[in-house]
Amino acid sequence: MAGTARHDREMAMNAKKQLQHCSDPVEKLRLQCLSRGSAGIKGLSRVFRIMDDDNNRTLDFKEFAKGLNDYGVLMEKGDVEACFKHFDKDSGGTIDFDEFLVTLRVRGVVLSGALPKQPCHF
């Protein structure tokens, strides 16, 4: 288990470093979750399930913004709006919960704990 804890710390430290130089709102959200360790995105999903008042597995902008705030994600209002628009694939005013989580997950994380060295772009 020591390797898992070390991996978790390394991932969190790398996310915090990358967050300092990132301007992409979606990547900022992803990195803020990862800076909490491997359970960061899972924790955010738990908060969003609680915020989904009508249990329809979708979030409107108000639920989305409140969920981010309750989870302690620090973002400017414009960045929150940009993230919402990015996750709202059909521009219907709601985010599908499963699509949100799939889009938010980091792809290509290597086993050493390093995050992929990609520029912060959509």
PDB file of N, CA and C in Angstrom:
ATOM      1  N   MET A   1       0.806  -1.200   0.000  1.00  0.00           N
ATOM      2  CA  MET A   1       0.000   0.000   0.000  1.00  0.00           C
ATOM      3  C   MET A   1       0.845   1.259   0.000  1.00  0.00           C
ATOM      4  N   ALA A   2       2.102   1.171   0.459  1.00  0.00           N
ATOM      5  CA  ALA A   2       2.964   2.349   0.489  1.00  0.00           C
ATOM      6  C   ALA A   2       3.156   2.925  -0.907  1.00  0.00           C
ATOM      7  N   GLY A   3       3.258   2.040  -1.900  1.00  0.00           N
ATOM      8  CA  GLY A   3       3.408   2.496  -3.275  1.00  0.00           C
ATOM      9  C   GLY A   3       2.200   3.277  -3.744  1.00  0.00           C
ATOM     10  N   THR A   4       1.014   2.857  -3.322  1.00  0.00           N
ATOM     11  CA  THR A   4      -0.208   3.553  -3.698  1.00  0.00           C
ATOM     12  C   THR A   4      -0.255   4.938  -3.076  1.00  0.00           C
ATOM     13  N   ALA A   5       0.111   5.036  -1.812  1.00  0.00           N
ATOM     14  CA  ALA A   5       0.116   6.341  -1.141  1.00  0.00           C
ATOM     15  C   ALA A   5       1.150   7.263  -1.774  1.00  0.00           C
ATOM     16  N   ARG A   6       2.312   6.728  -2.114  1.00  0.00           N
ATOM     17  CA  ARG A   6       3.347   7.533  -2.763  1.00  0.00           C
ATOM     18  C   ARG A   6       2.868   8.002  -4.132  1.00  0.00           C
ATOM     19  N   HIS A   7       2.250   7.101  -4.876  1.00  0.00           N
ATOM     20  CA  HIS A   7       1.715   7.445  -6.197  1.00  0.00           C
ATOM     21  C   HIS A   7       0.681   8.563  -6.069  1.00  0.00           C
ATOM     22  N   ASP A   8      -0.162   8.451  -5.068  1.00  0.00           N
ATOM     23  CA  ASP A   8      -1.192   9.448  -4.836  1.00  0.00           C
ATOM     24  C   ASP A   8      -0.578  10.817  -4.531  1.00  0.00           C
ATOM     25  N   ARG A   9       0.445  10.846  -3.678  1.00  0.00           N
ATOM     26  CA  ARG A   9       1.129  12.111  -3.349  1.00  0.00           C
ATOM     27  C   ARG A   9       1.801  12.709  -4.579  1.00  0.00           C
ATOM     28  N   GLU A  10       2.463  11.864  -5.369  1.00  0.00           N
ATOM     29  CA  GLU A  10       3.142  12.361  -6.569  1.00  0.00           C
ATOM     30  C   GLU A  10       2.144  12.942  -7.562  1.00  0.00           C
ATOM     31  N   MET A  11       1.028  12.245  -7.738  1.00  0.00           N
ATOM     32  CA  MET A  11       0.005  12.725  -8.658  1.00  0.00           C
ATOM     33  C   MET A  11      -0.539  14.071  -8.180  1.00  0.00           C
ATOM     34  N   ALA A  12      -0.794  14.198  -6.890  1.00  0.00           N
ATOM     35  CA  ALA A  12      -1.310  15.450  -6.341  1.00  0.00           C
ATOM     36  C   ALA A  12      -0.306  16.588  -6.503  1.00  0.00           C
ATOM     37  N   MET A  13       0.970  16.309  -6.233  1.00  0.00           N
ATOM     38  CA  MET A  13       2.004  17.343  -6.375  1.00  0.00           C
ATOM     39  C   MET A  13       2.156  17.771  -7.830  1.00  0.00           C
ATOM     40  N   ASN A  14       2.147  16.816  -8.755  1.00  0.00           N
ATOM     41  CA  ASN A  14       2.262  17.150 -10.174  1.00  0.00           C
ATOM     42  C   ASN A  14       1.065  17.970 -10.649  1.00  0.00           C
ATOM     43  N   ALA A  15      -0.124  17.625 -10.170  1.00  0.00           N
ATOM     44  CA  ALA A  15      -1.316  18.380 -10.549  1.00  0.00           C
ATOM     45  C   ALA A  15      -1.223  19.820 -10.047  1.00  0.00           C
ATOM     46  N   LYS A  16      -0.755  20.005  -8.816  1.00  0.00           N
ATOM     47  CA  LYS A  16      -0.622  21.358  -8.267  1.00  0.00           C
ATOM     48  C   LYS A  16       0.379  22.183  -9.065  1.00  0.00           C
ATOM     49  N   LYS A  17       1.485  21.552  -9.487  1.00  0.00           N
ATOM     50  CA  LYS A  17       2.480  22.263 -10.300  1.00  0.00           C
ATOM     51  C   LYS A  17       1.891  22.680 -11.643  1.00  0.00           C
ATOM     52  N   GLN A  18       1.190  21.762 -12.295  1.00  0.00           N
ATOM     53  CA  GLN A  18       0.612  22.068 -13.606  1.00  0.00           C
ATOM     54  C   GLN A  18      -0.490  23.115 -13.496  1.00  0.00           C
ATOM     55  N   LEU A  19      -1.201  23.120 -12.387  1.00  0.00           N
ATOM     56  CA  LEU A  19      -2.293  24.069 -12.182  1.00  0.00           C
ATOM     57  C   LEU A  19      -1.795  25.510 -12.198  1.00  0.00           C
ATOM     58  N   GLN A  20      -0.583  25.742 -11.740  1.00  0.00           N
ATOM     59  CA  GLN A  20      -0.025  27.089 -11.695  1.00  0.00           C
ATOM     60  C   GLN A  20       0.142  27.695 -13.086  1.00  0.00           C
ATOM     61  N   HIS A  21       0.282  26.862 -14.107  1.00  0.00           N
ATOM     62  CA  HIS A  21       0.564  27.356 -15.456  1.00  0.00           C
ATOM     63  C   HIS A  21      -0.585  27.109 -16.423  1.00  0.00           C
ATOM     64  N   CYS A  22      -1.713  26.680 -15.934  1.00  0.00           N
ATOM     65  CA  CYS A  22      -2.817  26.296 -16.799  1.00  0.00           C
ATOM     66  C   CYS A  22      -3.831  27.422 -16.923  1.00  0.00           C
ATOM     67  N   SER A  23      -4.325  27.630 -18.134  1.00  0.00           N
ATOM     68  CA  SER A  23      -5.352  28.647 -18.348  1.00  0.00           C
ATOM     69  C   SER A  23      -6.665  28.059 -18.849  1.00  0.00           C
ATOM     70  N   ASP A  24      -6.668  26.816 -19.293  1.00  0.00           N
ATOM     71  CA  ASP A  24      -7.872  26.158 -19.795  1.00  0.00           C
ATOM     72  C   ASP A  24      -8.792  25.830 -18.615  1.00  0.00           C
ATOM     73  N   PRO A  25     -10.042  26.325 -18.625  1.00  0.00           N
ATOM     74  CA  PRO A  25     -10.944  26.109 -17.488  1.00  0.00           C
ATOM     75  C   PRO A  25     -11.221  24.628 -17.182  1.00  0.00           C
ATOM     76  N   VAL A  26     -11.400  23.801 -18.194  1.00  0.00           N
ATOM     77  CA  VAL A  26     -11.682  22.383 -17.970  1.00  0.00           C
ATOM     78  C   VAL A  26     -10.460  21.698 -17.372  1.00  0.00           C
ATOM     79  N   GLU A  27      -9.297  22.039 -17.884  1.00  0.00           N
ATOM     80  CA  GLU A  27      -8.059  21.458 -17.353  1.00  0.00           C
ATOM     81  C   GLU A  27      -7.824  21.932 -15.923  1.00  0.00           C
ATOM     82  N   LYS A  28      -8.173  23.194 -15.623  1.00  0.00           N
ATOM     83  CA  LYS A  28      -8.062  23.688 -14.250  1.00  0.00           C
ATOM     84  C   LYS A  28      -8.927  22.865 -13.309  1.00  0.00           C
ATOM     85  N   LEU A  29     -10.145  22.585 -13.733  1.00  0.00           N
ATOM     86  CA  LEU A  29     -11.048  21.782 -12.919  1.00  0.00           C
ATOM     87  C   LEU A  29     -10.476  20.383 -12.706  1.00  0.00           C
ATOM     88  N   ARG A  30      -9.999  19.780 -13.764  1.00  0.00           N
ATOM     89  CA  ARG A  30      -9.412  18.441 -13.684  1.00  0.00           C
ATOM     90  C   ARG A  30      -8.209  18.432 -12.727  1.00  0.00           C
ATOM     91  N   LEU A  31      -7.336  19.414 -12.874  1.00  0.00           N
ATOM     92  CA  LEU A  31      -6.138  19.479 -12.038  1.00  0.00           C
ATOM     93  C   LEU A  31      -6.473  19.765 -10.574  1.00  0.00           C
ATOM     94  N   GLN A  32      -7.498  20.596 -10.334  1.00  0.00           N
ATOM     95  CA  GLN A  32      -7.896  20.834  -8.945  1.00  0.00           C
ATOM     96  C   GLN A  32      -8.411  19.552  -8.299  1.00  0.00           C
ATOM     97  N   CYS A  33      -9.126  18.749  -9.059  1.00  0.00           N
ATOM     98  CA  CYS A  33      -9.582  17.457  -8.527  1.00  0.00           C
ATOM     99  C   CYS A  33      -8.398  16.540  -8.267  1.00  0.00           C
ATOM    100  N   LEU A  34      -7.484  16.459  -9.219  1.00  0.00           N
ATOM    101  CA  LEU A  34      -6.327  15.575  -9.065  1.00  0.00           C
ATOM    102  C   LEU A  34      -5.391  16.032  -7.956  1.00  0.00           C
ATOM    103  N   SER A  35      -5.384  17.321  -7.657  1.00  0.00           N
ATOM    104  CA  SER A  35      -4.528  17.805  -6.576  1.00  0.00           C
ATOM    105  C   SER A  35      -5.004  17.297  -5.220  1.00  0.00           C
ATOM    106  N   ARG A  36      -6.190  16.734  -5.184  1.00  0.00           N
ATOM    107  CA  ARG A  36      -6.717  16.125  -3.958  1.00  0.00           C
ATOM    108  C   ARG A  36      -6.375  14.640  -3.897  1.00  0.00           C
ATOM    109  N   GLY A  37      -5.643  14.162  -4.891  1.00  0.00           N
ATOM    110  CA  GLY A  37      -5.257  12.755  -4.908  1.00  0.00           C
ATOM    111  C   GLY A  37      -6.179  11.938  -5.789  1.00  0.00           C
ATOM    112  N   SER A  38      -6.005  10.643  -5.740  1.00  0.00           N
ATOM    113  CA  SER A  38      -6.737   9.753  -6.634  1.00  0.00           C
ATOM    114  C   SER A  38      -8.243   9.763  -6.396  1.00  0.00           C
ATOM    115  N   ALA A  39      -8.676  10.179  -5.240  1.00  0.00           N
ATOM    116  CA  ALA A  39     -10.107  10.205  -4.936  1.00  0.00           C
ATOM    117  C   ALA A  39     -10.751  11.551  -5.284  1.00  0.00           C
ATOM    118  N   GLY A  40      -9.997  12.467  -5.881  1.00  0.00           N
ATOM    119  CA  GLY A  40     -10.511  13.806  -6.153  1.00  0.00           C
ATOM    120  C   GLY A  40     -11.707  13.844  -7.064  1.00  0.00           C
ATOM    121  N   ILE A  41     -11.643  13.160  -8.202  1.00  0.00           N
ATOM    122  CA  ILE A  41     -12.769  13.156  -9.138  1.00  0.00           C
ATOM    123  C   ILE A  41     -13.928  12.365  -8.542  1.00  0.00           C
ATOM    124  N   LYS A  42     -13.608  11.286  -7.845  1.00  0.00           N
ATOM    125  CA  LYS A  42     -14.657  10.494  -7.201  1.00  0.00           C
ATOM    126  C   LYS A  42     -15.388  11.339  -6.161  1.00  0.00           C
ATOM    127  N   GLY A  43     -14.654  12.132  -5.406  1.00  0.00           N
ATOM    128  CA  GLY A  43     -15.272  13.006  -4.407  1.00  0.00           C
ATOM    129  C   GLY A  43     -16.179  14.041  -5.045  1.00  0.00           C
ATOM    130  N   LEU A  44     -15.728  14.595  -6.165  1.00  0.00           N
ATOM    131  CA  LEU A  44     -16.547  15.568  -6.880  1.00  0.00           C
ATOM    132  C   LEU A  44     -17.822  14.898  -7.391  1.00  0.00           C
ATOM    133  N   SER A  45     -17.719  13.675  -7.868  1.00  0.00           N
ATOM    134  CA  SER A  45     -18.915  12.981  -8.348  1.00  0.00           C
ATOM    135  C   SER A  45     -19.901  12.757  -7.208  1.00  0.00           C
ATOM    136  N   ARG A  46     -19.404  12.480  -6.013  1.00  0.00           N
ATOM    137  CA  ARG A  46     -20.274  12.303  -4.847  1.00  0.00           C
ATOM    138  C   ARG A  46     -21.019  13.602  -4.540  1.00  0.00           C
ATOM    139  N   VAL A  47     -20.278  14.718  -4.574  1.00  0.00           N
ATOM    140  CA  VAL A  47     -20.903  16.021  -4.317  1.00  0.00           C
ATOM    141  C   VAL A  47     -21.977  16.305  -5.364  1.00  0.00           C
ATOM    142  N   PHE A  48     -21.698  15.994  -6.611  1.00  0.00           N
ATOM    143  CA  PHE A  48     -22.662  16.273  -7.661  1.00  0.00           C
ATOM    144  C   PHE A  48     -23.900  15.389  -7.557  1.00  0.00           C
ATOM    145  N   ARG A  49     -23.744  14.170  -7.091  1.00  0.00           N
ATOM    146  CA  ARG A  49     -24.933  13.331  -6.876  1.00  0.00           C
ATOM    147  C   ARG A  49     -25.820  13.943  -5.807  1.00  0.00           C
ATOM    148  N   ILE A  50     -25.200  14.500  -4.787  1.00  0.00           N
ATOM    149  CA  ILE A  50     -25.965  15.149  -3.729  1.00  0.00           C
ATOM    150  C   ILE A  50     -26.667  16.392  -4.286  1.00  0.00           C
ATOM    151  N   MET A  51     -25.978  17.127  -5.166  1.00  0.00           N
ATOM    152  CA  MET A  51     -26.537  18.366  -5.722  1.00  0.00           C
ATOM    153  C   MET A  51     -27.640  18.111  -6.736  1.00  0.00           C
ATOM    154  N   ASP A  52     -27.711  16.919  -7.275  1.00  0.00           N
ATOM    155  CA  ASP A  52     -28.739  16.578  -8.261  1.00  0.00           C
ATOM    156  C   ASP A  52     -30.062  16.364  -7.530  1.00  0.00           C
ATOM    157  N   ASP A  53     -30.739  17.461  -7.240  1.00  0.00           N
ATOM    158  CA  ASP A  53     -31.934  17.438  -6.399  1.00  0.00           C
ATOM    159  C   ASP A  53     -33.041  16.532  -6.933  1.00  0.00           C
ATOM    160  N   ASP A  54     -33.218  16.496  -8.236  1.00  0.00           N
ATOM    161  CA  ASP A  54     -34.318  15.705  -8.788  1.00  0.00           C
ATOM    162  C   ASP A  54     -33.885  14.301  -9.225  1.00  0.00           C
ATOM    163  N   ASN A  55     -32.635  13.936  -8.931  1.00  0.00           N
ATOM    164  CA  ASN A  55     -32.102  12.596  -9.231  1.00  0.00           C
ATOM    165  C   ASN A  55     -32.276  12.172 -10.686  1.00  0.00           C
ATOM    166  N   ASN A  56     -32.153  13.115 -11.604  1.00  0.00           N
ATOM    167  CA  ASN A  56     -32.287  12.780 -13.021  1.00  0.00           C
ATOM    168  C   ASN A  56     -30.936  12.579 -13.700  1.00  0.00           C
ATOM    169  N   ARG A  57     -29.849  12.569 -12.920  1.00  0.00           N
ATOM    170  CA  ARG A  57     -28.478  12.360 -13.397  1.00  0.00           C
ATOM    171  C   ARG A  57     -28.038  13.431 -14.389  1.00  0.00           C
ATOM    172  N   THR A  58     -28.642  14.601 -14.273  1.00  0.00           N
ATOM    173  CA  THR A  58     -28.184  15.765 -15.032  1.00  0.00           C
ATOM    174  C   THR A  58     -28.067  16.934 -14.073  1.00  0.00           C
ATOM    175  N   LEU A  59     -27.224  17.885 -14.443  1.00  0.00           N
ATOM    176  CA  LEU A  59     -27.036  19.084 -13.624  1.00  0.00           C
ATOM    177  C   LEU A  59     -27.276  20.307 -14.482  1.00  0.00           C
ATOM    178  N   ASP A  60     -28.067  21.250 -13.958  1.00  0.00           N
ATOM    179  CA  ASP A  60     -28.182  22.525 -14.651  1.00  0.00           C
ATOM    180  C   ASP A  60     -27.035  23.412 -14.160  1.00  0.00           C
ATOM    181  N   PHE A  61     -26.933  24.611 -14.719  1.00  0.00           N
ATOM    182  CA  PHE A  61     -25.795  25.463 -14.377  1.00  0.00           C
ATOM    183  C   PHE A  61     -25.756  25.783 -12.886  1.00  0.00           C
ATOM    184  N   LYS A  62     -26.904  26.063 -12.304  1.00  0.00           N
ATOM    185  CA  LYS A  62     -26.956  26.422 -10.884  1.00  0.00           C
ATOM    186  C   LYS A  62     -26.445  25.258 -10.018  1.00  0.00           C
ATOM    187  N   GLU A  63     -26.899  24.037 -10.311  1.00  0.00           N
ATOM    188  CA  GLU A  63     -26.436  22.861  -9.567  1.00  0.00           C
ATOM    189  C   GLU A  63     -24.930  22.649  -9.765  1.00  0.00           C
ATOM    190  N   PHE A  64     -24.469  22.832 -11.007  1.00  0.00           N
ATOM    191  CA  PHE A  64     -23.060  22.659 -11.337  1.00  0.00           C
ATOM    192  C   PHE A  64     -22.191  23.644 -10.552  1.00  0.00           C
ATOM    193  N   ALA A  65     -22.553  24.923 -10.592  1.00  0.00           N
ATOM    194  CA  ALA A  65     -21.777  25.958  -9.908  1.00  0.00           C
ATOM    195  C   ALA A  65     -21.790  25.733  -8.393  1.00  0.00           C
ATOM    196  N   LYS A  66     -22.928  25.382  -7.842  1.00  0.00           N
ATOM    197  CA  LYS A  66     -23.024  25.137  -6.402  1.00  0.00           C
ATOM    198  C   LYS A  66     -22.203  23.909  -6.017  1.00  0.00           C
ATOM    199  N   GLY A  67     -22.225  22.873  -6.847  1.00  0.00           N
ATOM    200  CA  GLY A  67     -21.433  21.674  -6.573  1.00  0.00           C
ATOM    201  C   GLY A  67     -19.947  21.971  -6.549  1.00  0.00           C
ATOM    202  N   LEU A  68     -19.476  22.761  -7.503  1.00  0.00           N
ATOM    203  CA  LEU A  68     -18.058  23.144  -7.519  1.00  0.00           C
ATOM    204  C   LEU A  68     -17.706  23.933  -6.260  1.00  0.00           C
ATOM    205  N   ASN A  69     -18.560  24.870  -5.916  1.00  0.00           N
ATOM    206  CA  ASN A  69     -18.324  25.692  -4.731  1.00  0.00           C
ATOM    207  C   ASN A  69     -18.309  24.840  -3.461  1.00  0.00           C
ATOM    208  N   ASP A  70     -19.266  23.949  -3.332  1.00  0.00           N
ATOM    209  CA  ASP A  70     -19.348  23.092  -2.140  1.00  0.00           C
ATOM    210  C   ASP A  70     -18.145  22.170  -2.023  1.00  0.00           C
ATOM    211  N   TYR A  71     -17.580  21.782  -3.153  1.00  0.00           N
ATOM    212  CA  TYR A  71     -16.417  20.895  -3.149  1.00  0.00           C
ATOM    213  C   TYR A  71     -15.117  21.675  -2.948  1.00  0.00           C
ATOM    214  N   GLY A  72     -15.207  23.000  -2.970  1.00  0.00           N
ATOM    215  CA  GLY A  72     -14.038  23.831  -2.734  1.00  0.00           C
ATOM    216  C   GLY A  72     -13.196  24.074  -3.973  1.00  0.00           C
ATOM    217  N   VAL A  73     -13.802  23.936  -5.143  1.00  0.00           N
ATOM    218  CA  VAL A  73     -13.091  24.224  -6.393  1.00  0.00           C
ATOM    219  C   VAL A  73     -13.119  25.729  -6.602  1.00  0.00           C
ATOM    220  N   LEU A  74     -11.933  26.316  -6.695  1.00  0.00           N
ATOM    221  CA  LEU A  74     -11.816  27.767  -6.836  1.00  0.00           C
ATOM    222  C   LEU A  74     -11.695  28.129  -8.305  1.00  0.00           C
ATOM    223  N   MET A  75     -12.750  28.723  -8.843  1.00  0.00           N
ATOM    224  CA  MET A  75     -12.751  29.125 -10.251  1.00  0.00           C
ATOM    225  C   MET A  75     -13.527  30.425 -10.399  1.00  0.00           C
ATOM    226  N   GLU A  76     -13.075  31.233 -11.353  1.00  0.00           N
ATOM    227  CA  GLU A  76     -13.803  32.453 -11.696  1.00  0.00           C
ATOM    228  C   GLU A  76     -15.127  32.062 -12.353  1.00  0.00           C
ATOM    229  N   LYS A  77     -16.119  32.957 -12.246  1.00  0.00           N
ATOM    230  CA  LYS A  77     -17.437  32.666 -12.811  1.00  0.00           C
ATOM    231  C   LYS A  77     -17.348  32.372 -14.312  1.00  0.00           C
ATOM    232  N   GLY A  78     -16.507  33.117 -15.020  1.00  0.00           N
ATOM    233  CA  GLY A  78     -16.347  32.885 -16.464  1.00  0.00           C
ATOM    234  C   GLY A  78     -15.787  31.504 -16.761  1.00  0.00           C
ATOM    235  N   ASP A  79     -14.875  31.031 -15.905  1.00  0.00           N
ATOM    236  CA  ASP A  79     -14.324  29.686 -16.081  1.00  0.00           C
ATOM    237  C   ASP A  79     -15.369  28.612 -15.798  1.00  0.00           C
ATOM    238  N   VAL A  80     -16.202  28.852 -14.789  1.00  0.00           N
ATOM    239  CA  VAL A  80     -17.276  27.905 -14.485  1.00  0.00           C
ATOM    240  C   VAL A  80     -18.238  27.832 -15.676  1.00  0.00           C
ATOM    241  N   GLU A  81     -18.572  28.989 -16.237  1.00  0.00           N
ATOM    242  CA  GLU A  81     -19.457  29.016 -17.405  1.00  0.00           C
ATOM    243  C   GLU A  81     -18.832  28.292 -18.595  1.00  0.00           C
ATOM    244  N   ALA A  82     -17.532  28.507 -18.818  1.00  0.00           N
ATOM    245  CA  ALA A  82     -16.841  27.846 -19.926  1.00  0.00           C
ATOM    246  C   ALA A  82     -16.823  26.331 -19.724  1.00  0.00           C
ATOM    247  N   CYS A  83     -16.590  25.886 -18.494  1.00  0.00           N
ATOM    248  CA  CYS A  83     -16.626  24.443 -18.208  1.00  0.00           C
ATOM    249  C   CYS A  83     -18.006  23.885 -18.474  1.00  0.00           C
ATOM    250  N   PHE A  84     -19.022  24.587 -18.000  1.00  0.00           N
ATOM    251  CA  PHE A  84     -20.392  24.107 -18.193  1.00  0.00           C
ATOM    252  C   PHE A  84     -20.711  23.963 -19.681  1.00  0.00           C
ATOM    253  N   LYS A  85     -20.345  24.977 -20.459  1.00  0.00           N
ATOM    254  CA  LYS A  85     -20.595  24.910 -21.903  1.00  0.00           C
ATOM    255  C   LYS A  85     -19.848  23.746 -22.544  1.00  0.00           C
ATOM    256  N   HIS A  86     -18.631  23.482 -22.065  1.00  0.00           N
ATOM    257  CA  HIS A  86     -17.840  22.375 -22.602  1.00  0.00           C
ATOM    258  C   HIS A  86     -18.510  21.028 -22.309  1.00  0.00           C
ATOM    259  N   PHE A  87     -19.031  20.868 -21.088  1.00  0.00           N
ATOM    260  CA  PHE A  87     -19.652  19.607 -20.696  1.00  0.00           C
ATOM    261  C   PHE A  87     -21.068  19.456 -21.241  1.00  0.00           C
ATOM    262  N   ASP A  88     -21.736  20.568 -21.547  1.00  0.00           N
ATOM    263  CA  ASP A  88     -23.100  20.546 -22.085  1.00  0.00           C
ATOM    264  C   ASP A  88     -23.025  20.294 -23.590  1.00  0.00           C
ATOM    265  N   LYS A  89     -22.832  19.044 -23.939  1.00  0.00           N
ATOM    266  CA  LYS A  89     -22.561  18.658 -25.334  1.00  0.00           C
ATOM    267  C   LYS A  89     -23.656  19.063 -26.309  1.00  0.00           C
ATOM    268  N   ASP A  90     -24.913  18.974 -25.895  1.00  0.00           N
ATOM    269  CA  ASP A  90     -26.010  19.278 -26.817  1.00  0.00           C
ATOM    270  C   ASP A  90     -26.575  20.686 -26.636  1.00  0.00           C
ATOM    271  N   SER A  91     -25.930  21.502 -25.821  1.00  0.00           N
ATOM    272  CA  SER A  91     -26.364  22.877 -25.527  1.00  0.00           C
ATOM    273  C   SER A  91     -27.794  22.933 -25.008  1.00  0.00           C
ATOM    274  N   GLY A  92     -28.203  21.896 -24.298  1.00  0.00           N
ATOM    275  CA  GLY A  92     -29.558  21.833 -23.770  1.00  0.00           C
ATOM    276  C   GLY A  92     -29.729  22.460 -22.401  1.00  0.00           C
ATOM    277  N   GLY A  93     -28.657  22.993 -21.837  1.00  0.00           N
ATOM    278  CA  GLY A  93     -28.753  23.642 -20.540  1.00  0.00           C
ATOM    279  C   GLY A  93     -28.534  22.702 -19.360  1.00  0.00           C
ATOM    280  N   THR A  94     -28.166  21.453 -19.656  1.00  0.00           N
ATOM    281  CA  THR A  94     -27.859  20.507 -18.587  1.00  0.00           C
ATOM    282  C   THR A  94     -26.639  19.677 -18.979  1.00  0.00           C
ATOM    283  N   ILE A  95     -25.987  19.166 -17.961  1.00  0.00           N
ATOM    284  CA  ILE A  95     -24.837  18.295 -18.152  1.00  0.00           C
ATOM    285  C   ILE A  95     -25.249  16.883 -17.774  1.00  0.00           C
ATOM    286  N   ASP A  96     -25.008  15.947 -18.675  1.00  0.00           N
ATOM    287  CA  ASP A  96     -25.228  14.543 -18.364  1.00  0.00           C
ATOM    288  C   ASP A  96     -24.133  14.100 -17.400  1.00  0.00           C
ATOM    289  N   PHE A  97     -24.532  13.515 -16.301  1.00  0.00           N
ATOM    290  CA  PHE A  97     -23.607  13.163 -15.228  1.00  0.00           C
ATOM    291  C   PHE A  97     -22.494  12.234 -15.703  1.00  0.00           C
ATOM    292  N   ASP A  98     -22.827  11.196 -16.443  1.00  0.00           N
ATOM    293  CA  ASP A  98     -21.824  10.239 -16.904  1.00  0.00           C
ATOM    294  C   ASP A  98     -20.853  10.873 -17.898  1.00  0.00           C
ATOM    295  N   GLU A  99     -21.366  11.670 -18.825  1.00  0.00           N
ATOM    296  CA  GLU A  99     -20.495  12.351 -19.789  1.00  0.00           C
ATOM    297  C   GLU A  99     -19.546  13.305 -19.073  1.00  0.00           C
ATOM    298  N   PHE A 100     -20.054  13.957 -18.047  1.00  0.00           N
ATOM    299  CA  PHE A 100     -19.219  14.867 -17.272  1.00  0.00           C
ATOM    300  C   PHE A 100     -18.021  14.119 -16.686  1.00  0.00           C
ATOM    301  N   LEU A 101     -18.271  12.994 -16.045  1.00  0.00           N
ATOM    302  CA  LEU A 101     -17.189  12.254 -15.410  1.00  0.00           C
ATOM    303  C   LEU A 101     -16.208  11.688 -16.426  1.00  0.00           C
ATOM    304  N   VAL A 102     -16.719  11.188 -17.549  1.00  0.00           N
ATOM    305  CA  VAL A 102     -15.831  10.650 -18.583  1.00  0.00           C
ATOM    306  C   VAL A 102     -14.949  11.752 -19.148  1.00  0.00           C
ATOM    307  N   THR A 103     -15.512  12.926 -19.381  1.00  0.00           N
ATOM    308  CA  THR A 103     -14.755  14.042 -19.930  1.00  0.00           C
ATOM    309  C   THR A 103     -13.728  14.559 -18.928  1.00  0.00           C
ATOM    310  N   LEU A 104     -14.076  14.528 -17.653  1.00  0.00           N
ATOM    311  CA  LEU A 104     -13.198  15.064 -16.623  1.00  0.00           C
ATOM    312  C   LEU A 104     -11.998  14.172 -16.325  1.00  0.00           C
ATOM    313  N   ARG A 105     -12.152  12.864 -16.501  1.00  0.00           N
ATOM    314  CA  ARG A 105     -11.060  11.940 -16.176  1.00  0.00           C
ATOM    315  C   ARG A 105      -9.833  12.225 -17.020  1.00  0.00           C
ATOM    316  N   VAL A 106      -8.692  12.042 -16.422  1.00  0.00           N
ATOM    317  CA  VAL A 106      -7.430  12.208 -17.138  1.00  0.00           C
ATOM    318  C   VAL A 106      -7.161  10.950 -17.941  1.00  0.00           C
ATOM    319  N   ARG A 107      -6.831  11.143 -19.188  1.00  0.00           N
ATOM    320  CA  ARG A 107      -6.492  10.014 -20.041  1.00  0.00           C
ATOM    321  C   ARG A 107      -4.982   9.928 -20.148  1.00  0.00           C
ATOM    322  N   GLY A 108      -4.432   8.729 -20.108  1.00  0.00           N
ATOM    323  CA  GLY A 108      -3.009   8.542 -20.350  1.00  0.00           C
ATOM    324  C   GLY A 108      -2.109   8.816 -19.166  1.00  0.00           C
ATOM    325  N   VAL A 109      -2.633   8.711 -17.944  1.00  0.00           N
ATOM    326  CA  VAL A 109      -1.767   8.887 -16.783  1.00  0.00           C
ATOM    327  C   VAL A 109      -0.836   7.685 -16.714  1.00  0.00           C
ATOM    328  N   VAL A 110       0.454   7.945 -16.656  1.00  0.00           N
ATOM    329  CA  VAL A 110       1.419   6.859 -16.633  1.00  0.00           C
ATOM    330  C   VAL A 110       1.576   6.323 -15.222  1.00  0.00           C
ATOM    331  N   LEU A 111       2.024   5.092 -15.101  1.00  0.00           N
ATOM    332  CA  LEU A 111       2.085   4.425 -13.807  1.00  0.00           C
ATOM    333  C   LEU A 111       3.030   5.085 -12.827  1.00  0.00           C
ATOM    334  N   SER A 112       3.996   5.842 -13.287  1.00  0.00           N
ATOM    335  CA  SER A 112       4.944   6.477 -12.374  1.00  0.00           C
ATOM    336  C   SER A 112       4.291   7.578 -11.546  1.00  0.00           C
ATOM    337  N   GLY A 113       3.083   7.967 -11.910  1.00  0.00           N
ATOM    338  CA  GLY A 113       2.392   9.023 -11.177  1.00  0.00           C
ATOM    339  C   GLY A 113       2.490  10.369 -11.853  1.00  0.00           C
ATOM    340  N   ALA A 114       3.271  10.463 -12.903  1.00  0.00           N
ATOM    341  CA  ALA A 114       3.401  11.731 -13.603  1.00  0.00           C
ATOM    342  C   ALA A 114       2.161  11.959 -14.458  1.00  0.00           C
ATOM    343  N   LEU A 115       1.730  13.189 -14.532  1.00  0.00           N
ATOM    344  CA  LEU A 115       0.624  13.528 -15.406  1.00  0.00           C
ATOM    345  C   LEU A 115       1.154  13.722 -16.817  1.00  0.00           C
ATOM    346  N   PRO A 116       0.307  13.499 -17.807  1.00  0.00           N
ATOM    347  CA  PRO A 116       0.772  13.697 -19.173  1.00  0.00           C
ATOM    348  C   PRO A 116       1.228  15.130 -19.372  1.00  0.00           C
ATOM    349  N   LYS A 117       2.312  15.312 -20.081  1.00  0.00           N
ATOM    350  CA  LYS A 117       2.846  16.646 -20.325  1.00  0.00           C
ATOM    351  C   LYS A 117       2.228  17.196 -21.602  1.00  0.00           C
ATOM    352  N   GLN A 118       1.032  17.756 -21.433  1.00  0.00           N
ATOM    353  CA  GLN A 118       0.297  18.301 -22.556  1.00  0.00           C
ATOM    354  C   GLN A 118      -0.013  19.765 -22.257  1.00  0.00           C
ATOM    355  N   PRO A 119      -0.107  20.567 -23.263  1.00  0.00           N
ATOM    356  CA  PRO A 119      -0.513  21.944 -23.006  1.00  0.00           C
ATOM    357  C   PRO A 119      -1.965  21.967 -22.534  1.00  0.00           C
ATOM    358  N   CYS A 120      -2.311  22.998 -21.838  1.00  0.00           N
ATOM    359  CA  CYS A 120      -3.685  23.126 -21.320  1.00  0.00           C
ATOM    360  C   CYS A 120      -4.572  23.725 -22.399  1.00  0.00           C
ATOM    361  N   HIS A 121      -5.075  22.887 -23.267  1.00  0.00           N
ATOM    362  CA  HIS A 121      -5.998  23.319 -24.331  1.00  0.00           C
ATOM    363  C   HIS A 121      -7.148  22.350 -24.401  1.00  0.00           C
ATOM    364  N   PHE A 122      -8.254  22.791 -25.006  1.00  0.00           N
ATOM    365  CA  PHE A 122      -9.393  21.882 -25.228  1.00  0.00           C
ATOM    366  C   PHE A 122      -9.003  20.827 -26.210  1.00  0.00           C
TER     367      PHE A 122
END
